[in-house]
Amino acid sequence: MTTYKSIEWTANELGFQHVIRCTKNPQALLYTPEPISKVIVLSDMLPTISFFVELVRFNLNVPVTLVTHNRQYSIQLYKTIGAKYVVYTNCDNVVLFFLNEAKS
């Protein structure tokens, strides 16, 4: 799941069969053809992080890993929102890294 067309394209190029890009109706993300076992949220903006983590937590009941550059907020805040794991990163190519990890 992503909000970015470039990430959707990259995931498709790597061979993912079901990539969902959130547009105006995020609830559509919840009706996927394949079961979802985990979610990785890649974002630096707290409102976006909060929205996706809460959406996943309340509707899919799967663990959420947050990967962010934003160290302005504490790990405890992100966990209060509902992230199970929080990873701070300085890597600019983190999307490609996680897409490759998720595929293997």
PDB file of N, CA and C in Angstrom:
ATOM      1  N   MET A   1       0.840  -1.175   0.000  1.00  0.00           N
ATOM      2  CA  MET A   1       0.000   0.000   0.000  1.00  0.00           C
ATOM      3  C   MET A   1       0.883   1.234   0.000  1.00  0.00           C
ATOM      4  N   THR A   2       0.515   2.184  -0.823  1.00  0.00           N
ATOM      5  CA  THR A   2       1.289   3.414  -0.909  1.00  0.00           C
ATOM      6  C   THR A   2       0.395   4.555  -1.375  1.00  0.00           C
ATOM      7  N   THR A   3       0.866   5.756  -1.146  1.00  0.00           N
ATOM      8  CA  THR A   3       0.175   6.923  -1.690  1.00  0.00           C
ATOM      9  C   THR A   3       0.923   7.479  -2.892  1.00  0.00           C
ATOM     10  N   TYR A   4       2.084   6.907  -3.194  1.00  0.00           N
ATOM     11  CA  TYR A   4       2.943   7.441  -4.262  1.00  0.00           C
ATOM     12  C   TYR A   4       2.955   6.548  -5.487  1.00  0.00           C
ATOM     13  N   LYS A   5       2.747   7.161  -6.620  1.00  0.00           N
ATOM     14  CA  LYS A   5       2.762   6.424  -7.884  1.00  0.00           C
ATOM     15  C   LYS A   5       4.140   5.823  -8.151  1.00  0.00           C
ATOM     16  N   SER A   6       5.212   6.531  -7.789  1.00  0.00           N
ATOM     17  CA  SER A   6       6.571   6.036  -8.033  1.00  0.00           C
ATOM     18  C   SER A   6       6.850   4.761  -7.236  1.00  0.00           C
ATOM     19  N   ILE A   7       6.353   4.679  -6.014  1.00  0.00           N
ATOM     20  CA  ILE A   7       6.548   3.474  -5.212  1.00  0.00           C
ATOM     21  C   ILE A   7       5.718   2.335  -5.780  1.00  0.00           C
ATOM     22  N   GLU A   8       4.513   2.635  -6.221  1.00  0.00           N
ATOM     23  CA  GLU A   8       3.685   1.618  -6.859  1.00  0.00           C
ATOM     24  C   GLU A   8       4.395   1.046  -8.088  1.00  0.00           C
ATOM     25  N   TRP A   9       4.966   1.918  -8.890  1.00  0.00           N
ATOM     26  CA  TRP A   9       5.675   1.495 -10.100  1.00  0.00           C
ATOM     27  C   TRP A   9       6.883   0.628  -9.742  1.00  0.00           C
ATOM     28  N   THR A  10       7.675   1.070  -8.756  1.00  0.00           N
ATOM     29  CA  THR A  10       8.859   0.316  -8.337  1.00  0.00           C
ATOM     30  C   THR A  10       8.466  -1.072  -7.829  1.00  0.00           C
ATOM     31  N   ALA A  11       7.428  -1.138  -7.023  1.00  0.00           N
ATOM     32  CA  ALA A  11       6.974  -2.432  -6.487  1.00  0.00           C
ATOM     33  C   ALA A  11       6.526  -3.354  -7.616  1.00  0.00           C
ATOM     34  N   ASN A  12       5.814  -2.818  -8.577  1.00  0.00           N
ATOM     35  CA  ASN A  12       5.391  -3.621  -9.723  1.00  0.00           C
ATOM     36  C   ASN A  12       6.590  -4.112 -10.526  1.00  0.00           C
ATOM     37  N   GLU A  13       7.580  -3.265 -10.703  1.00  0.00           N
ATOM     38  CA  GLU A  13       8.800  -3.653 -11.417  1.00  0.00           C
ATOM     39  C   GLU A  13       9.548  -4.773 -10.694  1.00  0.00           C
ATOM     40  N   LEU A  14       9.458  -4.791  -9.356  1.00  0.00           N
ATOM     41  CA  LEU A  14      10.127  -5.822  -8.563  1.00  0.00           C
ATOM     42  C   LEU A  14       9.329  -7.126  -8.525  1.00  0.00           C
ATOM     43  N   GLY A  15       8.125  -7.115  -9.113  1.00  0.00           N
ATOM     44  CA  GLY A  15       7.358  -8.346  -9.218  1.00  0.00           C
ATOM     45  C   GLY A  15       6.235  -8.523  -8.218  1.00  0.00           C
ATOM     46  N   PHE A  16       5.923  -7.494  -7.422  1.00  0.00           N
ATOM     47  CA  PHE A  16       4.788  -7.613  -6.506  1.00  0.00           C
ATOM     48  C   PHE A  16       3.515  -7.714  -7.326  1.00  0.00           C
ATOM     49  N   GLN A  17       2.637  -8.620  -6.936  1.00  0.00           N
ATOM     50  CA  GLN A  17       1.415  -8.851  -7.698  1.00  0.00           C
ATOM     51  C   GLN A  17       0.279  -7.937  -7.291  1.00  0.00           C
ATOM     52  N   HIS A  18       0.237  -7.528  -6.054  1.00  0.00           N
ATOM     53  CA  HIS A  18      -0.873  -6.702  -5.573  1.00  0.00           C
ATOM     54  C   HIS A  18      -0.322  -5.471  -4.870  1.00  0.00           C
ATOM     55  N   VAL A  19      -0.238  -4.380  -5.609  1.00  0.00           N
ATOM     56  CA  VAL A  19       0.200  -3.110  -5.057  1.00  0.00           C
ATOM     57  C   VAL A  19      -1.003  -2.178  -5.100  1.00  0.00           C
ATOM     58  N   ILE A  20      -1.338  -1.627  -3.973  1.00  0.00           N
ATOM     59  CA  ILE A  20      -2.512  -0.775  -3.887  1.00  0.00           C
ATOM     60  C   ILE A  20      -2.065   0.652  -3.612  1.00  0.00           C
ATOM     61  N   ARG A  21      -2.492   1.563  -4.486  1.00  0.00           N
ATOM     62  CA  ARG A  21      -2.183   2.980  -4.276  1.00  0.00           C
ATOM     63  C   ARG A  21      -3.430   3.660  -3.734  1.00  0.00           C
ATOM     64  N   CYS A  22      -3.264   4.270  -2.576  1.00  0.00           N
ATOM     65  CA  CYS A  22      -4.367   4.964  -1.929  1.00  0.00           C
ATOM     66  C   CYS A  22      -4.622   6.267  -2.667  1.00  0.00           C
ATOM     67  N   THR A  23      -5.852   6.477  -3.063  1.00  0.00           N
ATOM     68  CA  THR A  23      -6.212   7.737  -3.709  1.00  0.00           C
ATOM     69  C   THR A  23      -7.180   8.472  -2.792  1.00  0.00           C
ATOM     70  N   LYS A  24      -8.370   8.687  -3.231  1.00  0.00           N
ATOM     71  CA  LYS A  24      -9.315   9.451  -2.420  1.00  0.00           C
ATOM     72  C   LYS A  24     -10.088   8.595  -1.427  1.00  0.00           C
ATOM     73  N   ASN A  25     -10.117   7.279  -1.612  1.00  0.00           N
ATOM     74  CA  ASN A  25     -10.889   6.416  -0.725  1.00  0.00           C
ATOM     75  C   ASN A  25      -9.974   5.414  -0.033  1.00  0.00           C
ATOM     76  N   PRO A  26      -9.385   5.792   1.101  1.00  0.00           N
ATOM     77  CA  PRO A  26      -8.463   4.881   1.782  1.00  0.00           C
ATOM     78  C   PRO A  26      -9.128   3.616   2.288  1.00  0.00           C
ATOM     79  N   GLN A  27     -10.431   3.613   2.494  1.00  0.00           N
ATOM     80  CA  GLN A  27     -11.116   2.410   2.945  1.00  0.00           C
ATOM     81  C   GLN A  27     -11.013   1.294   1.914  1.00  0.00           C
ATOM     82  N   ALA A  28     -10.797   1.662   0.648  1.00  0.00           N
ATOM     83  CA  ALA A  28     -10.647   0.650  -0.400  1.00  0.00           C
ATOM     84  C   ALA A  28      -9.413  -0.215  -0.157  1.00  0.00           C
ATOM     85  N   LEU A  29      -8.462   0.290   0.616  1.00  0.00           N
ATOM     86  CA  LEU A  29      -7.261  -0.483   0.926  1.00  0.00           C
ATOM     87  C   LEU A  29      -7.585  -1.736   1.731  1.00  0.00           C
ATOM     88  N   LEU A  30      -8.687  -1.710   2.424  1.00  0.00           N
ATOM     89  CA  LEU A  30      -9.011  -2.807   3.328  1.00  0.00           C
ATOM     90  C   LEU A  30      -9.591  -4.016   2.615  1.00  0.00           C
ATOM     91  N   TYR A  31      -9.946  -3.870   1.357  1.00  0.00           N
ATOM     92  CA  TYR A  31     -10.569  -4.953   0.609  1.00  0.00           C
ATOM     93  C   TYR A  31      -9.614  -5.432  -0.472  1.00  0.00           C
ATOM     94  N   THR A  32      -8.569  -6.105  -0.049  1.00  0.00           N
ATOM     95  CA  THR A  32      -7.543  -6.569  -0.971  1.00  0.00           C
ATOM     96  C   THR A  32      -7.799  -8.020  -1.339  1.00  0.00           C
ATOM     97  N   PRO A  33      -7.336  -8.433  -2.528  1.00  0.00           N
ATOM     98  CA  PRO A  33      -7.563  -9.815  -2.947  1.00  0.00           C
ATOM     99  C   PRO A  33      -6.710 -10.826  -2.181  1.00  0.00           C
ATOM    100  N   GLU A  34      -5.631 -10.387  -1.583  1.00  0.00           N
ATOM    101  CA  GLU A  34      -4.728 -11.280  -0.854  1.00  0.00           C
ATOM    102  C   GLU A  34      -4.715 -10.899   0.624  1.00  0.00           C
ATOM    103  N   PRO A  35      -4.535 -11.867   1.514  1.00  0.00           N
ATOM    104  CA  PRO A  35      -4.443 -11.524   2.937  1.00  0.00           C
ATOM    105  C   PRO A  35      -3.174 -10.706   3.213  1.00  0.00           C
ATOM    106  N   ILE A  36      -3.281  -9.788   4.134  1.00  0.00           N
ATOM    107  CA  ILE A  36      -2.149  -8.939   4.516  1.00  0.00           C
ATOM    108  C   ILE A  36      -1.651  -9.429   5.862  1.00  0.00           C
ATOM    109  N   SER A  37      -0.339  -9.685   5.960  1.00  0.00           N
ATOM    110  CA  SER A  37       0.205 -10.195   7.212  1.00  0.00           C
ATOM    111  C   SER A  37       1.018  -9.155   7.973  1.00  0.00           C
ATOM    112  N   LYS A  38       1.477  -8.109   7.277  1.00  0.00           N
ATOM    113  CA  LYS A  38       2.213  -7.036   7.944  1.00  0.00           C
ATOM    114  C   LYS A  38       2.181  -5.808   7.048  1.00  0.00           C
ATOM    115  N   VAL A  39       2.395  -4.672   7.671  1.00  0.00           N
ATOM    116  CA  VAL A  39       2.391  -3.408   6.941  1.00  0.00           C
ATOM    117  C   VAL A  39       3.609  -2.610   7.358  1.00  0.00           C
ATOM    118  N   ILE A  40       4.271  -2.015   6.376  1.00  0.00           N
ATOM    119  CA  ILE A  40       5.379  -1.106   6.626  1.00  0.00           C
ATOM    120  C   ILE A  40       4.938   0.272   6.165  1.00  0.00           C
ATOM    121  N   VAL A  41       4.954   1.233   7.085  1.00  0.00           N
ATOM    122  CA  VAL A  41       4.604   2.612   6.761  1.00  0.00           C
ATOM    123  C   VAL A  41       5.896   3.389   6.615  1.00  0.00           C
ATOM    124  N   LEU A  42       6.075   4.015   5.452  1.00  0.00           N
ATOM    125  CA  LEU A  42       7.254   4.836   5.176  1.00  0.00           C
ATOM    126  C   LEU A  42       6.787   6.276   5.061  1.00  0.00           C
ATOM    127  N   SER A  43       7.045   7.067   6.093  1.00  0.00           N
ATOM    128  CA  SER A  43       6.597   8.457   6.070  1.00  0.00           C
ATOM    129  C   SER A  43       7.344   9.264   7.113  1.00  0.00           C
ATOM    130  N   ASP A  44       7.414  10.580   6.868  1.00  0.00           N
ATOM    131  CA  ASP A  44       8.001  11.503   7.829  1.00  0.00           C
ATOM    132  C   ASP A  44       6.973  12.459   8.411  1.00  0.00           C
ATOM    133  N   MET A  45       5.755  12.419   7.904  1.00  0.00           N
ATOM    134  CA  MET A  45       4.727  13.364   8.326  1.00  0.00           C
ATOM    135  C   MET A  45       3.792  12.708   9.340  1.00  0.00           C
ATOM    136  N   LEU A  46       3.713  13.295  10.527  1.00  0.00           N
ATOM    137  CA  LEU A  46       2.925  12.707  11.609  1.00  0.00           C
ATOM    138  C   LEU A  46       1.459  12.498  11.239  1.00  0.00           C
ATOM    139  N   PRO A  47       0.782  13.428  10.565  1.00  0.00           N
ATOM    140  CA  PRO A  47      -0.618  13.160  10.207  1.00  0.00           C
ATOM    141  C   PRO A  47      -0.778  11.943   9.292  1.00  0.00           C
ATOM    142  N   THR A  48       0.133  11.770   8.337  1.00  0.00           N
ATOM    143  CA  THR A  48       0.087  10.614   7.431  1.00  0.00           C
ATOM    144  C   THR A  48       0.359   9.329   8.198  1.00  0.00           C
ATOM    145  N   ILE A  49       1.370   9.375   9.046  1.00  0.00           N
ATOM    146  CA  ILE A  49       1.710   8.207   9.866  1.00  0.00           C
ATOM    147  C   ILE A  49       0.512   7.810  10.719  1.00  0.00           C
ATOM    148  N   SER A  50      -0.055   8.764  11.403  1.00  0.00           N
ATOM    149  CA  SER A  50      -1.189   8.492  12.277  1.00  0.00           C
ATOM    150  C   SER A  50      -2.358   7.905  11.502  1.00  0.00           C
ATOM    151  N   PHE A  51      -2.667   8.486  10.353  1.00  0.00           N
ATOM    152  CA  PHE A  51      -3.787   8.021   9.546  1.00  0.00           C
ATOM    153  C   PHE A  51      -3.615   6.557   9.137  1.00  0.00           C
ATOM    154  N   PHE A  52      -2.449   6.225   8.556  1.00  0.00           N
ATOM    155  CA  PHE A  52      -2.247   4.865   8.068  1.00  0.00           C
ATOM    156  C   PHE A  52      -2.120   3.852   9.195  1.00  0.00           C
ATOM    157  N   VAL A  53      -1.414   4.210  10.251  1.00  0.00           N
ATOM    158  CA  VAL A  53      -1.250   3.266  11.365  1.00  0.00           C
ATOM    159  C   VAL A  53      -2.601   2.967  11.997  1.00  0.00           C
ATOM    160  N   GLU A  54      -3.410   3.984  12.216  1.00  0.00           N
ATOM    161  CA  GLU A  54      -4.723   3.748  12.814  1.00  0.00           C
ATOM    162  C   GLU A  54      -5.636   2.975  11.867  1.00  0.00           C
ATOM    163  N   LEU A  55      -5.600   3.281  10.593  1.00  0.00           N
ATOM    164  CA  LEU A  55      -6.409   2.558   9.610  1.00  0.00           C
ATOM    165  C   LEU A  55      -6.074   1.068   9.630  1.00  0.00           C
ATOM    166  N   VAL A  56      -4.793   0.768   9.619  1.00  0.00           N
ATOM    167  CA  VAL A  56      -4.351  -0.628   9.617  1.00  0.00           C
ATOM    168  C   VAL A  56      -4.674  -1.291  10.944  1.00  0.00           C
ATOM    169  N   ARG A  57      -4.347  -0.621  12.017  1.00  0.00           N
ATOM    170  CA  ARG A  57      -4.532  -1.205  13.342  1.00  0.00           C
ATOM    171  C   ARG A  57      -5.982  -1.563  13.628  1.00  0.00           C
ATOM    172  N   PHE A  58      -6.895  -0.697  13.281  1.00  0.00           N
ATOM    173  CA  PHE A  58      -8.299  -0.930  13.616  1.00  0.00           C
ATOM    174  C   PHE A  58      -9.029  -1.813  12.619  1.00  0.00           C
ATOM    175  N   ASN A  59      -8.494  -1.964  11.411  1.00  0.00           N
ATOM    176  CA  ASN A  59      -9.220  -2.719  10.397  1.00  0.00           C
ATOM    177  C   ASN A  59      -8.551  -4.015   9.972  1.00  0.00           C
ATOM    178  N   LEU A  60      -7.252  -4.105  10.083  1.00  0.00           N
ATOM    179  CA  LEU A  60      -6.561  -5.302   9.621  1.00  0.00           C
ATOM    180  C   LEU A  60      -5.976  -6.128  10.752  1.00  0.00           C
ATOM    181  N   ASN A  61      -5.707  -5.511  11.886  1.00  0.00           N
ATOM    182  CA  ASN A  61      -5.155  -6.212  13.033  1.00  0.00           C
ATOM    183  C   ASN A  61      -3.875  -6.967  12.698  1.00  0.00           C
ATOM    184  N   VAL A  62      -2.951  -6.277  12.034  1.00  0.00           N
ATOM    185  CA  VAL A  62      -1.629  -6.831  11.725  1.00  0.00           C
ATOM    186  C   VAL A  62      -0.578  -5.870  12.268  1.00  0.00           C
ATOM    187  N   PRO A  63       0.624  -6.368  12.532  1.00  0.00           N
ATOM    188  CA  PRO A  63       1.660  -5.476  13.051  1.00  0.00           C
ATOM    189  C   PRO A  63       2.076  -4.428  12.029  1.00  0.00           C
ATOM    190  N   VAL A  64       2.354  -3.225  12.539  1.00  0.00           N
ATOM    191  CA  VAL A  64       2.781  -2.113  11.703  1.00  0.00           C
ATOM    192  C   VAL A  64       4.197  -1.722  12.085  1.00  0.00           C
ATOM    193  N   THR A  65       5.064  -1.691  11.083  1.00  0.00           N
ATOM    194  CA  THR A  65       6.421  -1.181  11.256  1.00  0.00           C
ATOM    195  C   THR A  65       6.475   0.197  10.631  1.00  0.00           C
ATOM    196  N   LEU A  66       6.944   1.178  11.383  1.00  0.00           N
ATOM    197  CA  LEU A  66       7.097   2.535  10.880  1.00  0.00           C
ATOM    198  C   LEU A  66       8.563   2.797  10.597  1.00  0.00           C
ATOM    199  N   VAL A  67       8.847   3.301   9.400  1.00  0.00           N
ATOM    200  CA  VAL A  67      10.198   3.710   9.034  1.00  0.00           C
ATOM    201  C   VAL A  67      10.125   5.200   8.717  1.00  0.00           C
ATOM    202  N   THR A  68      10.924   5.992   9.437  1.00  0.00           N
ATOM    203  CA  THR A  68      10.848   7.444   9.289  1.00  0.00           C
ATOM    204  C   THR A  68      12.207   8.098   9.461  1.00  0.00           C
ATOM    205  N   HIS A  69      12.354   9.258   8.823  1.00  0.00           N
ATOM    206  CA  HIS A  69      13.524  10.116   9.037  1.00  0.00           C
ATOM    207  C   HIS A  69      13.262  11.066  10.213  1.00  0.00           C
ATOM    208  N   ASN A  70      11.999  11.237  10.561  1.00  0.00           N
ATOM    209  CA  ASN A  70      11.578  12.267  11.506  1.00  0.00           C
ATOM    210  C   ASN A  70      11.854  11.851  12.943  1.00  0.00           C
ATOM    211  N   ARG A  71      12.909  12.410  13.514  1.00  0.00           N
ATOM    212  CA  ARG A  71      13.276  12.117  14.908  1.00  0.00           C
ATOM    213  C   ARG A  71      12.680  13.141  15.872  1.00  0.00           C
ATOM    214  N   GLN A  72      11.828  14.018  15.350  1.00  0.00           N
ATOM    215  CA  GLN A  72      11.204  15.049  16.181  1.00  0.00           C
ATOM    216  C   GLN A  72      10.287  14.427  17.226  1.00  0.00           C
ATOM    217  N   TYR A  73       9.728  13.269  16.914  1.00  0.00           N
ATOM    218  CA  TYR A  73       8.798  12.604  17.822  1.00  0.00           C
ATOM    219  C   TYR A  73       9.439  11.335  18.382  1.00  0.00           C
ATOM    220  N   SER A  74       9.038  10.987  19.585  1.00  0.00           N
ATOM    221  CA  SER A  74       9.647   9.843  20.264  1.00  0.00           C
ATOM    222  C   SER A  74       9.057   8.521  19.759  1.00  0.00           C
ATOM    223  N   ILE A  75       9.811   7.468  19.976  1.00  0.00           N
ATOM    224  CA  ILE A  75       9.329   6.125  19.646  1.00  0.00           C
ATOM    225  C   ILE A  75       8.044   5.843  20.423  1.00  0.00           C
ATOM    226  N   GLN A  76       7.981   6.301  21.667  1.00  0.00           N
ATOM    227  CA  GLN A  76       6.789   6.069  22.479  1.00  0.00           C
ATOM    228  C   GLN A  76       5.549   6.699  21.861  1.00  0.00           C
ATOM    229  N   LEU A  77       5.672   7.889  21.262  1.00  0.00           N
ATOM    230  CA  LEU A  77       4.524   8.511  20.605  1.00  0.00           C
ATOM    231  C   LEU A  77       4.050   7.655  19.438  1.00  0.00           C
ATOM    232  N   TYR A  78       4.984   7.212  18.616  1.00  0.00           N
ATOM    233  CA  TYR A  78       4.618   6.371  17.471  1.00  0.00           C
ATOM    234  C   TYR A  78       3.969   5.065  17.936  1.00  0.00           C
ATOM    235  N   LYS A  79       4.478   4.501  19.023  1.00  0.00           N
ATOM    236  CA  LYS A  79       3.886   3.264  19.548  1.00  0.00           C
ATOM    237  C   LYS A  79       2.509   3.522  20.144  1.00  0.00           C
ATOM    238  N   THR A  80       2.303   4.699  20.720  1.00  0.00           N
ATOM    239  CA  THR A  80       0.984   5.053  21.237  1.00  0.00           C
ATOM    240  C   THR A  80      -0.029   5.147  20.102  1.00  0.00           C
ATOM    241  N   ILE A  81       0.403   5.651  18.970  1.00  0.00           N
ATOM    242  CA  ILE A  81      -0.469   5.719  17.792  1.00  0.00           C
ATOM    243  C   ILE A  81      -0.826   4.314  17.321  1.00  0.00           C
ATOM    244  N   GLY A  82       0.107   3.364  17.492  1.00  0.00           N
ATOM    245  CA  GLY A  82      -0.204   1.988  17.118  1.00  0.00           C
ATOM    246  C   GLY A  82       0.882   1.253  16.368  1.00  0.00           C
ATOM    247  N   ALA A  83       2.024   1.884  16.135  1.00  0.00           N
ATOM    248  CA  ALA A  83       3.127   1.184  15.472  1.00  0.00           C
ATOM    249  C   ALA A  83       3.731   0.175  16.444  1.00  0.00           C
ATOM    250  N   LYS A  84       3.975  -1.023  15.960  1.00  0.00           N
ATOM    251  CA  LYS A  84       4.595  -2.041  16.818  1.00  0.00           C
ATOM    252  C   LYS A  84       6.109  -1.844  16.856  1.00  0.00           C
ATOM    253  N   TYR A  85       6.679  -1.511  15.695  1.00  0.00           N
ATOM    254  CA  TYR A  85       8.115  -1.278  15.591  1.00  0.00           C
ATOM    255  C   TYR A  85       8.337   0.090  14.965  1.00  0.00           C
ATOM    256  N   VAL A  86       9.387   0.782  15.422  1.00  0.00           N
ATOM    257  CA  VAL A  86       9.745   2.087  14.869  1.00  0.00           C
ATOM    258  C   VAL A  86      11.215   2.057  14.504  1.00  0.00           C
ATOM    259  N   VAL A  87      11.503   2.425  13.265  1.00  0.00           N
ATOM    260  CA  VAL A  87      12.878   2.448  12.782  1.00  0.00           C
ATOM    261  C   VAL A  87      13.177   3.859  12.295  1.00  0.00           C
ATOM    262  N   TYR A  88      14.148   4.513  12.929  1.00  0.00           N
ATOM    263  CA  TYR A  88      14.623   5.793  12.428  1.00  0.00           C
ATOM    264  C   TYR A  88      15.713   5.506  11.407  1.00  0.00           C
ATOM    265  N   THR A  89      15.722   6.236  10.304  1.00  0.00           N
ATOM    266  CA  THR A  89      16.705   5.990   9.265  1.00  0.00           C
ATOM    267  C   THR A  89      17.238   7.292   8.698  1.00  0.00           C
ATOM    268  N   ASN A  90      18.447   7.239   8.196  1.00  0.00           N
ATOM    269  CA  ASN A  90      19.029   8.347   7.442  1.00  0.00           C
ATOM    270  C   ASN A  90      19.122   7.991   5.971  1.00  0.00           C
ATOM    271  N   CYS A  91      18.762   6.779   5.635  1.00  0.00           N
ATOM    272  CA  CYS A  91      18.879   6.270   4.271  1.00  0.00           C
ATOM    273  C   CYS A  91      17.825   6.910   3.370  1.00  0.00           C
ATOM    274  N   ASP A  92      18.266   7.483   2.245  1.00  0.00           N
ATOM    275  CA  ASP A  92      17.322   8.092   1.307  1.00  0.00           C
ATOM    276  C   ASP A  92      16.679   7.066   0.393  1.00  0.00           C
ATOM    277  N   ASN A  93      17.273   5.883   0.268  1.00  0.00           N
ATOM    278  CA  ASN A  93      16.736   4.866  -0.624  1.00  0.00           C
ATOM    279  C   ASN A  93      16.061   3.751   0.177  1.00  0.00           C
ATOM    280  N   VAL A  94      15.425   4.136   1.273  1.00  0.00           N
ATOM    281  CA  VAL A  94      14.823   3.158   2.171  1.00  0.00           C
ATOM    282  C   VAL A  94      13.662   2.418   1.508  1.00  0.00           C
ATOM    283  N   VAL A  95      12.972   3.060   0.594  1.00  0.00           N
ATOM    284  CA  VAL A  95      11.840   2.416  -0.077  1.00  0.00           C
ATOM    285  C   VAL A  95      12.308   1.194  -0.840  1.00  0.00           C
ATOM    286  N   LEU A  96      13.335   1.333  -1.658  1.00  0.00           N
ATOM    287  CA  LEU A  96      13.854   0.214  -2.430  1.00  0.00           C
ATOM    288  C   LEU A  96      14.351  -0.892  -1.503  1.00  0.00           C
ATOM    289  N   PHE A  97      15.023  -0.523  -0.412  1.00  0.00           N
ATOM    290  CA  PHE A  97      15.510  -1.506   0.542  1.00  0.00           C
ATOM    291  C   PHE A  97      14.350  -2.334   1.103  1.00  0.00           C
ATOM    292  N   PHE A  98      13.307  -1.681   1.587  1.00  0.00           N
ATOM    293  CA  PHE A  98      12.188  -2.407   2.181  1.00  0.00           C
ATOM    294  C   PHE A  98      11.380  -3.190   1.178  1.00  0.00           C
ATOM    295  N   LEU A  99      11.267  -2.694  -0.035  1.00  0.00           N
ATOM    296  CA  LEU A  99      10.568  -3.467  -1.054  1.00  0.00           C
ATOM    297  C   LEU A  99      11.324  -4.746  -1.368  1.00  0.00           C
ATOM    298  N   ASN A 100      12.642  -4.668  -1.443  1.00  0.00           N
ATOM    299  CA  ASN A 100      13.449  -5.870  -1.679  1.00  0.00           C
ATOM    300  C   ASN A 100      13.357  -6.833  -0.500  1.00  0.00           C
ATOM    301  N   GLU A 101      13.371  -6.307   0.741  1.00  0.00           N
ATOM    302  CA  GLU A 101      13.255  -7.158   1.926  1.00  0.00           C
ATOM    303  C   GLU A 101      11.891  -7.839   1.997  1.00  0.00           C
ATOM    304  N   ALA A 102      10.849  -7.092   1.663  1.00  0.00           N
ATOM    305  CA  ALA A 102       9.496  -7.658   1.734  1.00  0.00           C
ATOM    306  C   ALA A 102       9.299  -8.753   0.692  1.00  0.00           C
ATOM    307  N   LYS A 103       9.976  -8.634  -0.422  1.00  0.00           N
ATOM    308  CA  LYS A 103       9.836  -9.624  -1.500  1.00  0.00           C
ATOM    309  C   LYS A 103      10.501 -10.939  -1.135  1.00  0.00           C
ATOM    310  N   SER A 104      11.591 -10.880  -0.363  1.00  0.00           N
ATOM    311  CA  SER A 104      12.321 -12.120  -0.041  1.00  0.00           C
ATOM    312  C   SER A 104      11.718 -12.853   1.130  1.00  0.00           C
TER     313      SER A 104
END
